[in-house]
Amino acid sequence: SYESGMEPIGGAWIQFNIRYYMFALVFVIFDVEVVFLYPWAVAFNQLGLLAFIEVLIFIGILVVGLVYAWRKGALEWS
């Protein structure tokens, strides 16, 4: 099946490099981080010190994950 109204040329199955998947996975993880941080940023004035500390711990865990991915070479393209 096709959507553009034109006959497809070639096969539909294309094998992608694993690096595309690694970049997509890292992007999705940090995109979800922003989704979790947005409600916190909106209600920042009403929240107390405990909520601030919890968000710092959350960001710290994500930074540790980013450093781990960086050191394992998941962000290297070459």
C-alpha atoms as a PDB file:
ATOM      1  CA  SER A   1       0.000   0.000   0.000  1.00  0.00           C
ATOM      2  CA  TYR A   2       1.190   3.492  -0.704  1.00  0.00           C
ATOM      3  CA  GLU A   3      -0.030   6.945   0.231  1.00  0.00           C
ATOM      4  CA  SER A   4       1.260   9.296  -2.467  1.00  0.00           C
ATOM      5  CA  GLY A   5      -0.656   7.751  -5.355  1.00  0.00           C
ATOM      6  CA  MET A   6       2.524   6.790  -7.177  1.00  0.00           C
ATOM      7  CA  GLU A   7       3.818   3.292  -7.676  1.00  0.00           C
ATOM      8  CA  PRO A   8       6.703   2.480  -5.314  1.00  0.00           C
ATOM      9  CA  ILE A   9      10.169   1.981  -6.761  1.00  0.00           C
ATOM     10  CA  GLY A  10      12.351  -0.698  -5.194  1.00  0.00           C
ATOM     11  CA  GLY A  11      11.781  -2.735  -2.077  1.00  0.00           C
ATOM     12  CA  ALA A  12      10.037  -1.504   1.023  1.00  0.00           C
ATOM     13  CA  TRP A  13      12.451  -3.077   3.499  1.00  0.00           C
ATOM     14  CA  ILE A  14      15.532  -0.988   4.170  1.00  0.00           C
ATOM     15  CA  GLN A  15      18.049  -1.925   6.817  1.00  0.00           C
ATOM     16  CA  PHE A  16      19.188   1.034   8.928  1.00  0.00           C
ATOM     17  CA  ASN A  17      22.444   1.379  10.779  1.00  0.00           C
ATOM     18  CA  ILE A  18      22.193   0.699  14.532  1.00  0.00           C
ATOM     19  CA  ARG A  19      23.525   4.197  15.224  1.00  0.00           C
ATOM     20  CA  TYR A  20      20.241   5.686  14.047  1.00  0.00           C
ATOM     21  CA  TYR A  21      18.446   3.649  16.680  1.00  0.00           C
ATOM     22  CA  MET A  22      20.891   4.685  19.414  1.00  0.00           C
ATOM     23  CA  PHE A  23      20.436   8.361  18.593  1.00  0.00           C
ATOM     24  CA  ALA A  24      16.664   7.914  18.491  1.00  0.00           C
ATOM     25  CA  LEU A  25      16.661   6.125  21.834  1.00  0.00           C
ATOM     26  CA  VAL A  26      18.754   8.816  23.524  1.00  0.00           C
ATOM     27  CA  PHE A  27      16.531  11.503  21.980  1.00  0.00           C
ATOM     28  CA  VAL A  28      13.345   9.838  23.225  1.00  0.00           C
ATOM     29  CA  ILE A  29      14.738   9.454  26.742  1.00  0.00           C
ATOM     30  CA  PHE A  30      15.664  13.121  27.005  1.00  0.00           C
ATOM     31  CA  ASP A  31      12.473  14.215  25.280  1.00  0.00           C
ATOM     32  CA  VAL A  32      10.479  12.386  27.956  1.00  0.00           C
ATOM     33  CA  GLU A  33      12.640  14.167  30.541  1.00  0.00           C
ATOM     34  CA  VAL A  34      11.390  17.498  29.233  1.00  0.00           C
ATOM     35  CA  VAL A  35       7.803  16.248  29.425  1.00  0.00           C
ATOM     36  CA  PHE A  36       8.319  15.425  33.109  1.00  0.00           C
ATOM     37  CA  LEU A  37      10.083  18.711  33.856  1.00  0.00           C
ATOM     38  CA  TYR A  38       7.476  20.976  32.259  1.00  0.00           C
ATOM     39  CA  PRO A  39       4.731  20.494  34.905  1.00  0.00           C
ATOM     40  CA  TRP A  40       7.332  20.982  37.614  1.00  0.00           C
ATOM     41  CA  ALA A  41       8.483  24.240  36.019  1.00  0.00           C
ATOM     42  CA  VAL A  42       4.898  25.507  35.783  1.00  0.00           C
ATOM     43  CA  ALA A  43       4.202  24.818  39.475  1.00  0.00           C
ATOM     44  CA  PHE A  44       7.664  25.811  40.728  1.00  0.00           C
ATOM     45  CA  ASN A  45       6.409  28.666  42.946  1.00  0.00           C
ATOM     46  CA  GLN A  46       3.916  26.449  44.799  1.00  0.00           C
ATOM     47  CA  LEU A  47       6.339  23.592  45.396  1.00  0.00           C
ATOM     48  CA  GLY A  48       8.662  23.443  48.343  1.00  0.00           C
ATOM     49  CA  LEU A  49      12.291  22.597  48.857  1.00  0.00           C
ATOM     50  CA  LEU A  50      11.623  18.841  48.816  1.00  0.00           C
ATOM     51  CA  ALA A  51      10.249  18.998  45.267  1.00  0.00           C
ATOM     52  CA  PHE A  52      13.299  20.984  44.187  1.00  0.00           C
ATOM     53  CA  ILE A  53      15.613  18.342  45.647  1.00  0.00           C
ATOM     54  CA  GLU A  54      13.621  15.572  43.948  1.00  0.00           C
ATOM     55  CA  VAL A  55      14.001  17.278  40.563  1.00  0.00           C
ATOM     56  CA  LEU A  56      17.728  17.717  41.142  1.00  0.00           C
ATOM     57  CA  ILE A  57      18.001  13.984  41.859  1.00  0.00           C
ATOM     58  CA  PHE A  58      15.960  13.225  38.713  1.00  0.00           C
ATOM     59  CA  ILE A  59      18.213  15.424  36.577  1.00  0.00           C
ATOM     60  CA  GLY A  60      21.281  13.908  38.244  1.00  0.00           C
ATOM     61  CA  ILE A  61      20.176  10.398  37.290  1.00  0.00           C
ATOM     62  CA  LEU A  62      19.648  11.520  33.702  1.00  0.00           C
ATOM     63  CA  VAL A  63      23.056  13.198  33.598  1.00  0.00           C
ATOM     64  CA  VAL A  64      24.656   9.983  34.855  1.00  0.00           C
ATOM     65  CA  GLY A  65      22.853   8.117  32.052  1.00  0.00           C
ATOM     66  CA  LEU A  66      24.033  10.645  29.479  1.00  0.00           C
ATOM     67  CA  VAL A  67      27.639  10.400  30.668  1.00  0.00           C
ATOM     68  CA  TYR A  68      27.395   6.595  30.550  1.00  0.00           C
ATOM     69  CA  ALA A  69      26.050   6.671  26.978  1.00  0.00           C
ATOM     70  CA  TRP A  70      28.730   9.150  25.986  1.00  0.00           C
ATOM     71  CA  ARG A  71      31.559   7.051  27.436  1.00  0.00           C
ATOM     72  CA  LYS A  72      30.214   3.850  25.844  1.00  0.00           C
ATOM     73  CA  GLY A  73      30.326   5.598  22.463  1.00  0.00           C
ATOM     74  CA  ALA A  74      26.587   5.664  21.846  1.00  0.00           C
ATOM     75  CA  LEU A  75      26.812   9.300  20.766  1.00  0.00           C
ATOM     76  CA  GLU A  76      29.768   8.829  18.419  1.00  0.00           C
ATOM     77  CA  TRP A  77      28.894   8.799  14.743  1.00  0.00           C
ATOM     78  CA  SER A  78      32.208   7.756  13.187  1.00  0.00           C
END
